[in-house]
Protein backbone atom coordinates (compact mmCIF):
# COMPACT_ATOMS: atom_id res chain seq x y z
CA MET A 1 -58.37 64.45 -109.63
CA GLU A 2 -61.43 65.80 -112.41
CA ILE A 3 -60.61 69.33 -111.06
CA LEU A 4 -56.40 68.60 -112.01
CA LYS A 5 -57.57 67.07 -115.18
CA HIS A 6 -59.25 70.35 -115.91
CA VAL A 7 -57.40 72.86 -115.11
CA VAL A 8 -53.91 71.27 -116.48
CA MET A 9 -55.57 70.73 -120.31
CA ASP A 10 -55.05 73.14 -123.20
CA HIS A 11 -58.45 72.87 -124.96
CA PHE A 12 -58.65 76.63 -124.47
CA ALA A 13 -55.13 76.57 -126.58
CA GLN A 14 -56.67 74.26 -129.49
CA ARG A 15 -59.59 76.61 -129.93
CA ARG A 16 -59.73 79.28 -133.19
CA ASN A 17 -60.01 82.81 -131.89
CA TRP A 18 -58.18 85.93 -132.39
CA LEU A 19 -55.96 85.20 -129.82
CA THR A 20 -54.51 81.83 -130.63
CA ASN A 21 -54.19 83.06 -133.80
CA ILE A 22 -51.89 85.62 -133.11
CA GLU A 23 -48.13 84.68 -133.42
CA VAL A 24 -46.47 83.36 -130.79
CA ARG A 25 -43.88 85.17 -130.65
CA VAL A 26 -45.85 88.48 -130.86
CA LYS A 27 -47.63 86.83 -127.37
CA LEU A 28 -44.02 85.74 -125.26
CA PHE A 29 -42.53 89.18 -126.30
CA TYR A 30 -46.26 91.01 -124.67
CA ILE A 31 -45.81 88.91 -122.07
CA GLY A 32 -41.76 88.47 -121.28
CA ILE A 33 -41.92 92.66 -121.53
CA GLY A 34 -44.68 92.33 -118.97
CA LEU A 35 -44.14 90.14 -116.34
CA VAL A 36 -40.37 92.18 -116.12
CA LEU A 37 -42.51 95.59 -115.78
CA ASN A 38 -44.45 93.44 -113.08
CA ILE A 39 -41.93 92.57 -111.20
CA LEU A 40 -40.10 96.53 -111.39
CA SER A 41 -43.47 97.82 -110.00
CA ASN A 42 -43.33 99.62 -107.14
CA ASP A 43 -47.12 100.17 -106.79
CA ILE A 44 -50.00 98.39 -106.90
CA THR A 45 -51.01 100.32 -110.03
CA LEU A 46 -49.19 98.09 -113.07
CA PRO A 47 -49.93 94.53 -111.40
CA LEU A 48 -53.57 95.61 -111.64
CA LEU A 49 -53.24 97.30 -114.74
CA PHE A 50 -52.10 94.09 -116.12
CA PHE A 51 -54.58 91.35 -114.32
CA VAL A 52 -57.58 93.68 -115.70
CA THR A 53 -56.08 93.57 -119.09
CA SER A 54 -55.49 90.50 -118.98
CA LEU A 55 -58.96 89.11 -117.57
CA ILE A 56 -60.46 91.01 -119.93
CA LEU A 57 -58.93 89.52 -122.73
CA LEU A 58 -60.03 86.35 -121.91
CA MET A 59 -62.99 86.96 -121.22
CA THR A 60 -63.48 88.12 -125.41
CA ILE A 61 -62.38 84.39 -125.73
CA LYS A 62 -65.13 82.91 -123.40
CA VAL A 63 -62.91 81.54 -120.58
CA SER A 64 -65.19 81.35 -117.56
CA PHE A 65 -64.50 82.66 -113.56
CA LEU A 66 -64.91 78.96 -113.16
CA THR A 67 -61.91 78.00 -114.85
CA LEU A 68 -59.89 80.81 -114.11
CA GLY A 69 -60.82 80.81 -110.40
CA LEU A 70 -60.14 77.00 -109.90
CA ARG A 71 -56.33 78.63 -111.71
CA MET A 72 -55.99 81.23 -109.14
CA MET A 73 -57.20 79.91 -106.12
CA MET A 74 -53.41 78.63 -105.12
CA PRO A 75 -52.15 82.23 -106.08
CA PHE A 76 -54.60 84.03 -104.53
CA LEU A 77 -54.32 81.79 -101.15
CA PHE A 78 -50.10 82.63 -101.51
CA GLY A 79 -50.76 86.26 -101.85
CA ILE A 80 -52.80 86.02 -99.18
CA PHE A 81 -50.51 84.28 -96.74
CA ILE A 82 -47.74 87.07 -97.96
CA MET A 83 -49.67 89.60 -96.88
CA ILE A 84 -50.54 88.54 -93.64
CA ILE A 85 -47.02 87.17 -92.93
CA MET A 86 -45.82 91.20 -94.10
CA GLY A 87 -48.40 92.68 -92.00
CA LEU A 88 -47.62 90.87 -88.87
CA HIS A 89 -43.82 91.11 -89.27
CA LYS A 90 -43.22 94.33 -91.12
CA GLY A 91 -43.90 98.14 -90.04
CA GLU A 92 -44.51 100.19 -86.74
CA THR A 93 -47.97 101.48 -87.56
CA VAL A 94 -50.35 99.66 -86.17
CA VAL A 95 -53.91 99.39 -87.81
CA LEU A 96 -55.34 96.47 -86.28
CA SER A 97 -54.83 94.13 -83.02
CA GLY A 98 -56.35 91.51 -81.50
CA THR A 99 -55.84 88.11 -79.96
CA LEU A 100 -55.95 84.33 -81.14
CA PHE A 101 -55.40 81.18 -78.60
CA GLY A 102 -53.69 83.61 -76.54
CA TYR A 103 -51.22 85.39 -79.13
CA GLU A 104 -51.52 88.99 -78.79
CA LEU A 105 -51.52 89.64 -82.69
CA ALA A 106 -51.22 93.35 -84.87
CA PHE A 107 -51.24 94.05 -88.08
CA LYS A 108 -49.00 97.15 -89.31
CA LYS A 109 -49.89 99.61 -91.88
CA GLU A 110 -46.19 99.64 -93.63
CA GLY A 111 -46.54 95.66 -93.93
CA LEU A 112 -49.84 95.52 -95.17
CA GLN A 113 -48.90 98.02 -97.84
CA ILE A 114 -45.75 95.85 -98.56
CA GLY A 115 -47.50 92.32 -98.41
CA LEU A 116 -50.73 94.26 -100.87
CA LEU A 117 -48.11 94.99 -103.83
CA LEU A 118 -46.72 91.02 -103.39
CA PHE A 119 -50.24 90.01 -103.28
CA THR A 120 -50.69 92.42 -106.71
CA LYS A 121 -47.95 91.51 -108.69
CA VAL A 122 -48.97 87.40 -107.96
CA ALA A 123 -52.30 88.15 -109.62
CA GLY A 124 -51.06 90.11 -112.20
CA GLY A 125 -47.98 87.43 -113.11
CA VAL A 126 -50.54 84.57 -112.84
CA MET A 127 -52.71 86.03 -114.98
CA LEU A 128 -50.25 86.84 -117.65
CA MET A 129 -49.25 83.16 -117.60
CA LEU A 130 -53.09 82.34 -117.75
CA LEU A 131 -53.14 84.42 -121.03
CA LEU A 132 -50.53 82.48 -122.25
CA SER A 133 -51.53 79.31 -121.42
CA PHE A 134 -55.02 79.48 -122.64
CA THR A 135 -54.18 80.92 -126.39
CA THR A 136 -50.57 79.41 -126.97
CA THR A 137 -50.14 75.79 -127.67
CA ILE A 138 -47.06 73.91 -125.47
CA THR A 139 -45.70 73.23 -129.46
CA LYS A 140 -45.64 76.20 -130.52
CA ILE A 141 -44.07 77.07 -127.57
CA CYS A 142 -41.35 75.30 -127.98
CA MET A 143 -41.33 75.92 -131.78
CA ALA A 144 -40.32 79.68 -130.65
CA ALA A 145 -38.23 78.78 -127.90
CA ARG A 146 -36.41 77.22 -130.23
CA TRP A 147 -36.37 79.92 -132.39
CA MET A 148 -34.77 82.08 -130.29
CA LYS A 149 -31.84 79.70 -130.19
CA MET A 150 -32.53 78.36 -126.38
CA PRO A 151 -30.78 75.23 -125.56
CA GLU A 152 -32.22 71.90 -127.22
CA THR A 153 -32.08 69.99 -124.08
CA LEU A 154 -34.58 72.55 -122.18
CA ILE A 155 -36.87 72.11 -125.28
CA GLU A 156 -36.92 68.07 -125.38
CA VAL A 157 -37.30 68.60 -121.16
CA LEU A 158 -40.39 71.07 -121.54
CA SER A 159 -41.85 68.48 -124.29
CA PHE A 160 -41.50 65.61 -122.42
CA VAL A 161 -42.94 66.56 -119.67
CA TYR A 162 -46.28 68.25 -120.54
CA ARG A 163 -46.54 64.80 -122.77
CA TYR A 164 -45.93 62.79 -120.18
CA LEU A 165 -47.62 64.69 -117.34
CA PHE A 166 -51.46 63.57 -118.84
CA LEU A 167 -50.26 59.94 -118.12
CA LEU A 168 -49.50 61.11 -114.70
CA ILE A 169 -52.85 62.07 -114.15
CA GLU A 170 -54.95 59.44 -115.69
CA GLU A 171 -52.45 56.67 -113.75
CA THR A 172 -52.94 58.88 -110.54
CA GLU A 173 -56.77 58.70 -111.55
CA THR A 174 -56.97 54.85 -111.89
CA MET A 175 -55.03 54.14 -108.52
CA MET A 176 -56.83 56.62 -106.42
CA SER A 177 -60.21 54.85 -107.79
CA SER A 178 -58.84 51.57 -106.94
CA GLN A 179 -57.79 53.23 -103.52
CA ARG A 180 -61.47 54.09 -103.16
CA SER A 181 -63.16 50.73 -103.85
CA ARG A 182 -60.75 49.26 -101.29
CA LEU A 183 -62.43 52.12 -98.78
CA GLY A 184 -59.05 53.84 -98.77
CA TYR A 185 -60.49 57.16 -98.14
CA VAL A 186 -63.33 56.34 -95.17
CA THR A 187 -61.62 57.32 -92.33
CA TRP A 188 -58.79 60.57 -91.75
CA PHE A 189 -56.17 57.95 -91.19
CA LYS A 190 -56.91 55.68 -94.07
CA THR A 191 -57.03 58.95 -96.54
CA ILE A 192 -53.57 60.09 -94.88
CA LYS A 193 -52.48 56.79 -95.58
CA SER A 194 -53.84 56.26 -98.61
CA PHE A 195 -52.07 59.50 -100.14
CA GLY A 196 -48.52 58.33 -98.69
CA SER A 197 -48.48 55.00 -100.36
CA LEU A 198 -50.37 56.46 -103.78
CA GLY A 199 -47.23 59.70 -103.98
CA GLY A 200 -44.61 56.22 -102.96
CA MET A 201 -45.95 54.43 -106.07
CA LEU A 202 -46.35 57.54 -108.56
CA ILE A 203 -42.77 58.09 -107.98
CA ILE A 204 -42.20 54.45 -108.48
CA ARG A 205 -43.80 54.27 -112.06
CA SER A 206 -43.11 57.02 -112.81
CA ILE A 207 -39.21 56.15 -112.77
CA THR A 208 -40.10 53.07 -114.27
CA ARG A 209 -41.80 54.70 -117.41
CA ALA A 210 -39.00 56.80 -117.55
CA GLU A 211 -36.57 54.16 -118.03
CA SER A 212 -38.58 52.36 -120.48
CA ALA A 213 -39.38 54.90 -122.69
CA HIS A 214 -35.54 55.87 -122.91
CA VAL A 215 -35.06 52.38 -123.54
CA ALA A 216 -37.89 52.44 -126.64
CA MET A 217 -36.41 55.86 -128.18
CA VAL A 218 -32.84 54.30 -127.93
CA SER A 219 -33.83 51.60 -129.47
CA ARG A 220 -35.36 53.77 -132.71
CA GLY A 221 -31.68 55.81 -132.83
CA TYR A 222 -32.62 58.95 -130.87
CA ASP A 223 -29.99 60.19 -129.31
CA GLY A 224 -31.12 63.47 -127.97
CA GLY A 225 -32.62 67.10 -129.92
CA ARG A 226 -34.75 66.98 -132.47
CA VAL A 227 -37.67 66.76 -130.81
CA LEU A 228 -39.86 69.35 -133.08
CA THR A 229 -39.41 69.07 -136.93
CA VAL A 230 -41.69 71.70 -137.71
CA GLN A 231 -40.60 75.26 -137.92
CA LEU A 232 -42.21 78.60 -137.31
CA ASN A 233 -43.46 80.88 -140.56
CA PRO A 234 -41.33 84.15 -141.22
CA LEU A 235 -43.11 87.35 -139.75
CA VAL A 236 -45.31 88.94 -142.11
CA ARG A 237 -46.32 93.06 -141.73
CA SER A 238 -49.38 92.05 -139.51
CA ASP A 239 -46.83 90.36 -136.91
CA TYR A 240 -45.02 93.66 -136.76
CA ALA A 241 -47.57 95.87 -136.56
CA LEU A 242 -48.95 93.81 -133.71
CA PHE A 243 -45.35 93.77 -132.37
CA LEU A 244 -45.86 97.62 -132.91
CA SER A 245 -49.27 97.62 -131.00
CA CYS A 246 -47.73 95.35 -128.22
CA GLY A 247 -44.87 98.01 -127.27
CA VAL A 248 -47.44 101.29 -127.59
CA LEU A 249 -49.47 99.18 -125.28
CA LEU A 250 -46.73 98.66 -122.63
CA THR A 251 -45.45 101.94 -122.68
CA PHE A 252 -48.58 103.19 -121.77
CA LEU A 253 -49.09 100.30 -118.78
CA SER A 254 -46.02 101.52 -117.60
CA TYR A 255 -46.90 105.13 -117.48
CA LEU A 256 -49.68 104.89 -115.76
CA GLY A 257 -48.13 102.27 -113.46
CA PHE A 258 -44.78 104.34 -112.92
CA PHE A 259 -45.26 108.01 -113.30
CA TRP A 260 -49.13 108.72 -112.80
């Protein structure tokens, strides 16, 4: 659970550095357009450029490879799984074949190419999102969403989910410590049983806490909306200059990815 707590904490976004000081709307513009281009790319070049560029930017604010590795572990495994499945089921040109547990396996060139493209898209897209999460707090993101006239309900749900995520983690740690003290993880069977009961209790406690929080908020006059009372400052010349710089960078990366 310490690994999970380390992954979801936003202490990096609370730091003062040149990336966190950039206007949140500029970052959302760059990340949003970058994600669209990443999805529309028909070649691995553009996703790899987004991956490398985001990695270099995160390195400038001293984000460790261990922290990035923990966050990229599941997307990488998911991308590798997609590449394997595509290589086995798509295409005709066999590049590698063998036998596993009595089954004939053959990887095709066309399927591996499709799988590699999807893998790089996953890596590039996740790295773009990490760039946003490492440099922008959830409060600023909600403020920018409100500025963009997004529904108040969506902003409200996002704020509460992020707020109570840490309480859920603390509750999970407490329950796991109790199970561990009762030897709930000494054998494989007990581990599976403990995880099952842990999941059920978490769902029940989450519902109970949500109802209690709702009753407490309603009793204080809350009727929805008005989660944020702070407004974003008006854009200044430096922000417009950054908008222009991001547009130029995205155009350059698009040229390399689509026409190079």
